């Protein structure tokens, strides 16, 4: 089975976003800013994931 070339990058991006989310939760001002911009990151990322071949 062939791997999608972005698979490794997708895991890295998810890990990076997890780290940012973890840190953002500790600082109230950063948490508020992250909550505001997160939907604009999540929706296109989800659309890209949905349209990519398995």
N, C-alpha and C. Protein backbone atom coordinates (compact mmCIF):
# COMPACT_ATOMS: atom_id res chain seq x y z
N UNK A 1 0.85 -1.18 0.00
CA UNK A 1 0.00 0.00 0.00
C UNK A 1 0.90 1.24 0.00
N UNK A 2 0.64 2.14 -0.91
CA UNK A 2 1.44 3.37 -1.02
C UNK A 2 1.02 4.37 0.05
N UNK A 3 2.02 5.07 0.59
CA UNK A 3 1.73 6.10 1.59
C UNK A 3 1.51 7.43 0.90
N UNK A 4 0.60 8.18 1.42
CA UNK A 4 0.37 9.53 0.93
C UNK A 4 1.59 10.38 1.31
N UNK A 5 2.14 11.18 0.38
CA UNK A 5 3.36 11.93 0.69
C UNK A 5 3.21 12.94 1.83
N UNK A 6 2.01 13.38 2.11
CA UNK A 6 1.80 14.35 3.18
C UNK A 6 1.53 13.69 4.52
N UNK A 7 1.46 12.37 4.56
CA UNK A 7 1.12 11.67 5.80
C UNK A 7 2.09 12.01 6.93
N UNK A 8 3.36 11.96 6.68
CA UNK A 8 4.34 12.28 7.71
C UNK A 8 4.24 13.73 8.15
N UNK A 9 4.00 14.63 7.20
CA UNK A 9 3.86 16.05 7.53
C UNK A 9 2.57 16.30 8.33
N UNK A 10 1.52 15.58 7.99
CA UNK A 10 0.26 15.75 8.71
C UNK A 10 0.38 15.39 10.18
N UNK A 11 1.12 14.34 10.46
CA UNK A 11 1.34 13.95 11.85
C UNK A 11 2.15 15.01 12.56
N UNK A 12 3.16 15.54 11.88
CA UNK A 12 3.97 16.61 12.47
C UNK A 12 3.17 17.86 12.74
N UNK A 13 2.29 18.22 11.80
CA UNK A 13 1.43 19.39 11.98
C UNK A 13 0.49 19.17 13.15
N UNK A 14 -0.10 17.98 13.24
CA UNK A 14 -1.00 17.67 14.36
C UNK A 14 -0.27 17.74 15.69
N UNK A 15 0.94 17.23 15.73
CA UNK A 15 1.74 17.28 16.94
C UNK A 15 2.07 18.73 17.31
N UNK A 16 2.44 19.52 16.30
CA UNK A 16 2.74 20.93 16.55
C UNK A 16 1.53 21.68 17.07
N UNK A 17 0.36 21.43 16.49
CA UNK A 17 -0.85 22.10 16.96
C UNK A 17 -1.21 21.66 18.37
N UNK A 18 -0.94 20.40 18.70
CA UNK A 18 -1.19 19.92 20.05
C UNK A 18 -0.31 20.65 21.06
N UNK A 19 0.96 20.83 20.70
CA UNK A 19 1.89 21.53 21.60
C UNK A 19 1.45 22.98 21.78
N UNK A 20 1.06 23.65 20.68
CA UNK A 20 0.59 25.04 20.78
C UNK A 20 -0.67 25.10 21.64
N UNK A 21 -1.59 24.18 21.44
CA UNK A 21 -2.82 24.15 22.24
C UNK A 21 -2.50 23.95 23.72
N UNK A 22 -1.57 23.06 24.02
CA UNK A 22 -1.20 22.79 25.40
C UNK A 22 -0.61 24.05 26.05
N UNK A 23 0.28 24.73 25.35
CA UNK A 23 0.90 25.94 25.88
C UNK A 23 -0.12 27.08 25.95
N UNK A 24 -0.95 27.19 24.94
CA UNK A 24 -1.94 28.28 24.90
C UNK A 24 -2.91 28.18 26.08
N UNK A 25 -3.21 26.98 26.52
CA UNK A 25 -4.14 26.81 27.64
C UNK A 25 -3.57 27.34 28.95
N UNK A 26 -2.27 27.52 29.01
CA UNK A 26 -1.63 27.98 30.25
C UNK A 26 -1.59 29.50 30.38
N UNK A 27 -1.72 30.23 29.26
CA UNK A 27 -1.62 31.69 29.28
C UNK A 27 -2.96 32.25 28.78
N UNK A 28 -3.72 32.93 29.65
CA UNK A 28 -5.07 33.35 29.29
C UNK A 28 -5.16 34.18 28.00
N UNK A 29 -4.28 35.15 27.79
CA UNK A 29 -4.37 35.99 26.59
C UNK A 29 -4.08 35.17 25.33
N UNK A 30 -3.12 34.28 25.41
CA UNK A 30 -2.80 33.42 24.27
C UNK A 30 -3.94 32.43 24.03
N UNK A 31 -4.54 31.94 25.10
CA UNK A 31 -5.68 31.03 24.98
C UNK A 31 -6.84 31.69 24.24
N UNK A 32 -7.14 32.94 24.59
CA UNK A 32 -8.23 33.66 23.93
C UNK A 32 -7.93 33.85 22.45
N UNK A 33 -6.69 34.27 22.13
CA UNK A 33 -6.31 34.48 20.73
C UNK A 33 -6.36 33.16 19.95
N UNK A 34 -5.88 32.09 20.57
CA UNK A 34 -5.90 30.78 19.92
C UNK A 34 -7.33 30.33 19.65
N UNK A 35 -8.22 30.56 20.60
CA UNK A 35 -9.63 30.18 20.41
C UNK A 35 -10.28 30.97 19.27
N UNK A 36 -9.82 32.19 19.04
CA UNK A 36 -10.37 33.01 17.96
C UNK A 36 -9.87 32.52 16.60
N UNK A 37 -8.58 32.20 16.48
CA UNK A 37 -8.04 31.83 15.16
C UNK A 37 -8.16 30.33 14.85
N UNK A 38 -8.36 29.51 15.85
CA UNK A 38 -8.39 28.06 15.64
C UNK A 38 -9.44 27.60 14.63
N UNK A 39 -10.67 28.14 14.64
CA UNK A 39 -11.64 27.69 13.62
C UNK A 39 -11.18 27.97 12.19
N UNK A 40 -10.42 29.03 11.99
CA UNK A 40 -9.95 29.36 10.65
C UNK A 40 -8.81 28.44 10.20
N UNK A 41 -8.20 27.75 11.15
CA UNK A 41 -7.16 26.77 10.83
C UNK A 41 -7.80 25.39 10.65
N UNK A 42 -8.72 25.06 11.55
CA UNK A 42 -9.29 23.71 11.58
C UNK A 42 -10.17 23.41 10.37
N UNK A 43 -10.98 24.36 9.93
CA UNK A 43 -11.90 24.10 8.82
C UNK A 43 -11.15 23.80 7.52
N UNK A 44 -10.19 24.65 7.09
CA UNK A 44 -9.46 24.30 5.86
C UNK A 44 -8.63 23.02 6.01
N UNK A 45 -8.08 22.78 7.19
CA UNK A 45 -7.32 21.55 7.39
C UNK A 45 -8.22 20.33 7.28
N UNK A 46 -9.42 20.42 7.83
CA UNK A 46 -10.37 19.32 7.72
C UNK A 46 -10.82 19.10 6.28
N UNK A 47 -11.03 20.19 5.55
CA UNK A 47 -11.41 20.07 4.14
C UNK A 47 -10.29 19.44 3.33
N UNK A 48 -9.06 19.83 3.62
CA UNK A 48 -7.92 19.25 2.90
C UNK A 48 -7.79 17.77 3.23
N UNK A 49 -7.98 17.42 4.48
CA UNK A 49 -7.92 16.02 4.87
C UNK A 49 -9.01 15.22 4.19
N UNK A 50 -10.21 15.79 4.11
CA UNK A 50 -11.35 15.10 3.52
C UNK A 50 -11.15 14.86 2.02
N UNK A 51 -10.51 15.77 1.33
CA UNK A 51 -10.35 15.63 -0.11
C UNK A 51 -9.10 14.85 -0.49
N UNK A 52 -8.23 14.56 0.46
CA UNK A 52 -7.02 13.81 0.14
C UNK A 52 -7.34 12.32 0.03
N UNK A 53 -6.65 11.65 -0.87
CA UNK A 53 -6.90 10.20 -1.01
C UNK A 53 -6.35 9.45 0.20
N UNK A 54 -6.97 8.35 0.52
CA UNK A 54 -6.51 7.54 1.65
C UNK A 54 -5.34 6.78 1.20
